[in-house]
Amino acid sequence: MDKCIMLKCCGVKNYTDWLETTWFNKSGGLRFPYSCCNVTFPTCNGTVYQPWQIYTQGCQEELSKVIQFALKMDMWSSLLVYVVEIGLFVMVKQLMRTNRSTRYQVLEKN
């Protein structure tokens, strides 16, 4: 398998979505795509006569879960960056306020 996200799904709603596609009809109406094969069955060839070897859950729900997770991670990381920026702003403000009495002078060469 390649290193892409494994959704472990088949079809949009479920595996029967493939029964109504032109791809299924052109393949002779006997096989589902190999991407529908359950990885626990290494001999799976996508045949309609062995439906227990394919994923039955649809990809729409699985993809929705992945996108929701990514959006939650983005939201929380943005909030964390915001809090860190506010903390840094407060620290810089405090540092600038406490060093007002510092006077600069030119150093002379000896």
C-alpha atoms as a PDB file:
ATOM      1  CA  MET A   1       0.000   0.000   0.000  1.00  0.00           C
ATOM      2  CA  ASP A   2       1.115   3.543  -0.588  1.00  0.00           C
ATOM      3  CA  LYS A   3       1.388   6.077   2.200  1.00  0.00           C
ATOM      4  CA  CYS A   4      -1.940   7.817   1.538  1.00  0.00           C
ATOM      5  CA  ILE A   5      -4.756   7.986   4.050  1.00  0.00           C
ATOM      6  CA  MET A   6      -6.545   4.651   4.228  1.00  0.00           C
ATOM      7  CA  LEU A   7     -10.239   5.436   4.601  1.00  0.00           C
ATOM      8  CA  LYS A   8     -11.284   1.757   4.522  1.00  0.00           C
ATOM      9  CA  CYS A   9     -14.437   2.423   2.562  1.00  0.00           C
ATOM     10  CA  CYS A  10     -16.138   1.708  -0.750  1.00  0.00           C
ATOM     11  CA  GLY A  11     -18.575   3.876  -2.711  1.00  0.00           C
ATOM     12  CA  VAL A  12     -20.155   7.113  -1.584  1.00  0.00           C
ATOM     13  CA  LYS A  13     -22.915   5.836   0.716  1.00  0.00           C
ATOM     14  CA  ASN A  14     -21.843   2.148   0.644  1.00  0.00           C
ATOM     15  CA  TYR A  15     -20.381  -0.465  -1.705  1.00  0.00           C
ATOM     16  CA  THR A  16     -23.652  -0.900  -3.637  1.00  0.00           C
ATOM     17  CA  ASP A  17     -23.130   2.548  -5.182  1.00  0.00           C
ATOM     18  CA  TRP A  18     -20.737   0.862  -7.631  1.00  0.00           C
ATOM     19  CA  LEU A  19     -23.549  -1.328  -9.005  1.00  0.00           C
ATOM     20  CA  GLU A  20     -25.034   1.701 -10.791  1.00  0.00           C
ATOM     21  CA  THR A  21     -21.863   3.023 -12.445  1.00  0.00           C
ATOM     22  CA  THR A  22     -20.706   2.689 -16.036  1.00  0.00           C
ATOM     23  CA  TRP A  23     -17.337   1.433 -14.767  1.00  0.00           C
ATOM     24  CA  PHE A  24     -19.061  -1.530 -13.105  1.00  0.00           C
ATOM     25  CA  ASN A  25     -20.991  -2.323 -16.288  1.00  0.00           C
ATOM     26  CA  LYS A  26     -17.838  -2.066 -18.429  1.00  0.00           C
ATOM     27  CA  SER A  27     -16.002  -4.427 -16.076  1.00  0.00           C
ATOM     28  CA  GLY A  28     -18.637  -7.073 -16.764  1.00  0.00           C
ATOM     29  CA  GLY A  29     -20.635  -6.424 -13.613  1.00  0.00           C
ATOM     30  CA  LEU A  30     -18.590  -8.925 -11.649  1.00  0.00           C
ATOM     31  CA  ARG A  31     -16.042  -6.857  -9.738  1.00  0.00           C
ATOM     32  CA  PHE A  32     -15.757  -3.903  -7.403  1.00  0.00           C
ATOM     33  CA  PRO A  33     -12.600  -1.735  -7.580  1.00  0.00           C
ATOM     34  CA  TYR A  34      -9.552  -3.153  -5.796  1.00  0.00           C
ATOM     35  CA  SER A  35      -9.608  -0.080  -3.536  1.00  0.00           C
ATOM     36  CA  CYS A  36     -12.767  -1.578  -1.988  1.00  0.00           C
ATOM     37  CA  CYS A  37     -10.896  -4.704  -0.860  1.00  0.00           C
ATOM     38  CA  ASN A  38     -10.493  -5.107   2.878  1.00  0.00           C
ATOM     39  CA  VAL A  39      -6.775  -5.303   3.704  1.00  0.00           C
ATOM     40  CA  THR A  40      -7.415  -8.189   6.103  1.00  0.00           C
ATOM     41  CA  PHE A  41      -8.161 -10.366   3.059  1.00  0.00           C
ATOM     42  CA  PRO A  42      -4.954 -10.451   0.971  1.00  0.00           C
ATOM     43  CA  THR A  43      -6.592 -12.637  -1.688  1.00  0.00           C
ATOM     44  CA  CYS A  44      -9.442 -10.194  -2.291  1.00  0.00           C
ATOM     45  CA  ASN A  45     -10.019  -9.512  -5.982  1.00  0.00           C
ATOM     46  CA  GLY A  46     -13.178  -7.419  -5.623  1.00  0.00           C
ATOM     47  CA  THR A  47     -15.590 -10.033  -6.890  1.00  0.00           C
ATOM     48  CA  VAL A  48     -19.298  -9.547  -6.218  1.00  0.00           C
ATOM     49  CA  TYR A  49     -19.490 -13.176  -5.115  1.00  0.00           C
ATOM     50  CA  GLN A  50     -17.369 -12.467  -2.012  1.00  0.00           C
ATOM     51  CA  PRO A  51     -18.860  -9.253  -0.577  1.00  0.00           C
ATOM     52  CA  TRP A  52     -17.514 -10.014   2.918  1.00  0.00           C
ATOM     53  CA  GLN A  53     -14.014  -9.281   1.588  1.00  0.00           C
ATOM     54  CA  ILE A  54     -14.768  -5.666   0.709  1.00  0.00           C
ATOM     55  CA  TYR A  55     -15.429  -2.591   2.807  1.00  0.00           C
ATOM     56  CA  THR A  56     -19.151  -1.969   3.087  1.00  0.00           C
ATOM     57  CA  GLN A  57     -19.083   1.512   4.622  1.00  0.00           C
ATOM     58  CA  GLY A  58     -19.293   4.510   2.297  1.00  0.00           C
ATOM     59  CA  CYS A  59     -16.420   6.954   1.811  1.00  0.00           C
ATOM     60  CA  GLN A  60     -18.514  10.094   2.338  1.00  0.00           C
ATOM     61  CA  GLU A  61     -18.814   9.472   6.067  1.00  0.00           C
ATOM     62  CA  GLU A  62     -15.148   8.468   6.437  1.00  0.00           C
ATOM     63  CA  LEU A  63     -13.918  11.484   4.477  1.00  0.00           C
ATOM     64  CA  SER A  64     -16.153  13.736   6.563  1.00  0.00           C
ATOM     65  CA  LYS A  65     -14.490  12.402   9.731  1.00  0.00           C
ATOM     66  CA  VAL A  66     -10.999  13.078   8.336  1.00  0.00           C
ATOM     67  CA  ILE A  67     -11.919  16.628   7.290  1.00  0.00           C
ATOM     68  CA  GLN A  68     -13.555  17.375  10.650  1.00  0.00           C
ATOM     69  CA  PHE A  69     -10.431  16.155  12.458  1.00  0.00           C
ATOM     70  CA  ALA A  70      -8.200  18.344  10.261  1.00  0.00           C
ATOM     71  CA  LEU A  71     -10.400  21.388  10.854  1.00  0.00           C
ATOM     72  CA  LYS A  72     -10.403  20.819  14.625  1.00  0.00           C
ATOM     73  CA  MET A  73      -6.609  20.538  14.626  1.00  0.00           C
ATOM     74  CA  ASP A  74      -6.368  23.754  12.587  1.00  0.00           C
ATOM     75  CA  MET A  75      -8.730  25.564  14.953  1.00  0.00           C
ATOM     76  CA  TRP A  76      -6.900  24.492  18.126  1.00  0.00           C
ATOM     77  CA  SER A  77      -3.452  25.223  16.686  1.00  0.00           C
ATOM     78  CA  SER A  78      -4.619  28.686  15.605  1.00  0.00           C
ATOM     79  CA  LEU A  79      -5.938  29.329  19.093  1.00  0.00           C
ATOM     80  CA  LEU A  80      -2.624  28.194  20.587  1.00  0.00           C
ATOM     81  CA  VAL A  81      -0.662  30.523  18.278  1.00  0.00           C
ATOM     82  CA  TYR A  82      -2.986  33.397  19.245  1.00  0.00           C
ATOM     83  CA  VAL A  83      -2.446  32.775  22.974  1.00  0.00           C
ATOM     84  CA  VAL A  84       1.334  32.596  22.512  1.00  0.00           C
ATOM     85  CA  GLU A  85       1.324  35.854  20.529  1.00  0.00           C
ATOM     86  CA  ILE A  86      -0.684  37.614  23.246  1.00  0.00           C
ATOM     87  CA  GLY A  87       1.735  36.317  25.880  1.00  0.00           C
ATOM     88  CA  LEU A  88       4.724  37.568  23.891  1.00  0.00           C
ATOM     89  CA  PHE A  89       3.079  40.942  23.387  1.00  0.00           C
ATOM     90  CA  VAL A  90       2.537  41.290  27.146  1.00  0.00           C
ATOM     91  CA  MET A  91       6.174  40.313  27.846  1.00  0.00           C
ATOM     92  CA  VAL A  92       7.559  42.827  25.343  1.00  0.00           C
ATOM     93  CA  LYS A  93       5.299  45.546  26.726  1.00  0.00           C
ATOM     94  CA  GLN A  94       6.505  44.777  30.256  1.00  0.00           C
ATOM     95  CA  LEU A  95      10.158  44.808  29.194  1.00  0.00           C
ATOM     96  CA  MET A  96       9.819  48.121  27.409  1.00  0.00           C
ATOM     97  CA  ARG A  97       8.064  49.702  30.370  1.00  0.00           C
ATOM     98  CA  THR A  98      10.742  48.701  32.915  1.00  0.00           C
ATOM     99  CA  ASN A  99      13.748  49.942  30.891  1.00  0.00           C
ATOM    100  CA  ARG A 100      12.711  53.570  30.348  1.00  0.00           C
ATOM    101  CA  SER A 101      15.436  54.986  32.599  1.00  0.00           C
ATOM    102  CA  THR A 102      18.245  53.574  30.486  1.00  0.00           C
ATOM    103  CA  ARG A 103      20.249  56.345  28.863  1.00  0.00           C
ATOM    104  CA  TYR A 104      22.469  55.781  25.906  1.00  0.00           C
ATOM    105  CA  GLN A 105      25.896  57.343  25.623  1.00  0.00           C
ATOM    106  CA  VAL A 106      28.683  57.251  23.098  1.00  0.00           C
ATOM    107  CA  LEU A 107      31.607  55.064  24.000  1.00  0.00           C
ATOM    108  CA  GLU A 108      34.993  56.703  23.588  1.00  0.00           C
ATOM    109  CA  LYS A 109      38.117  55.005  22.324  1.00  0.00           C
ATOM    110  CA  ASN A 110      40.964  54.798  24.823  1.00  0.00           C
END
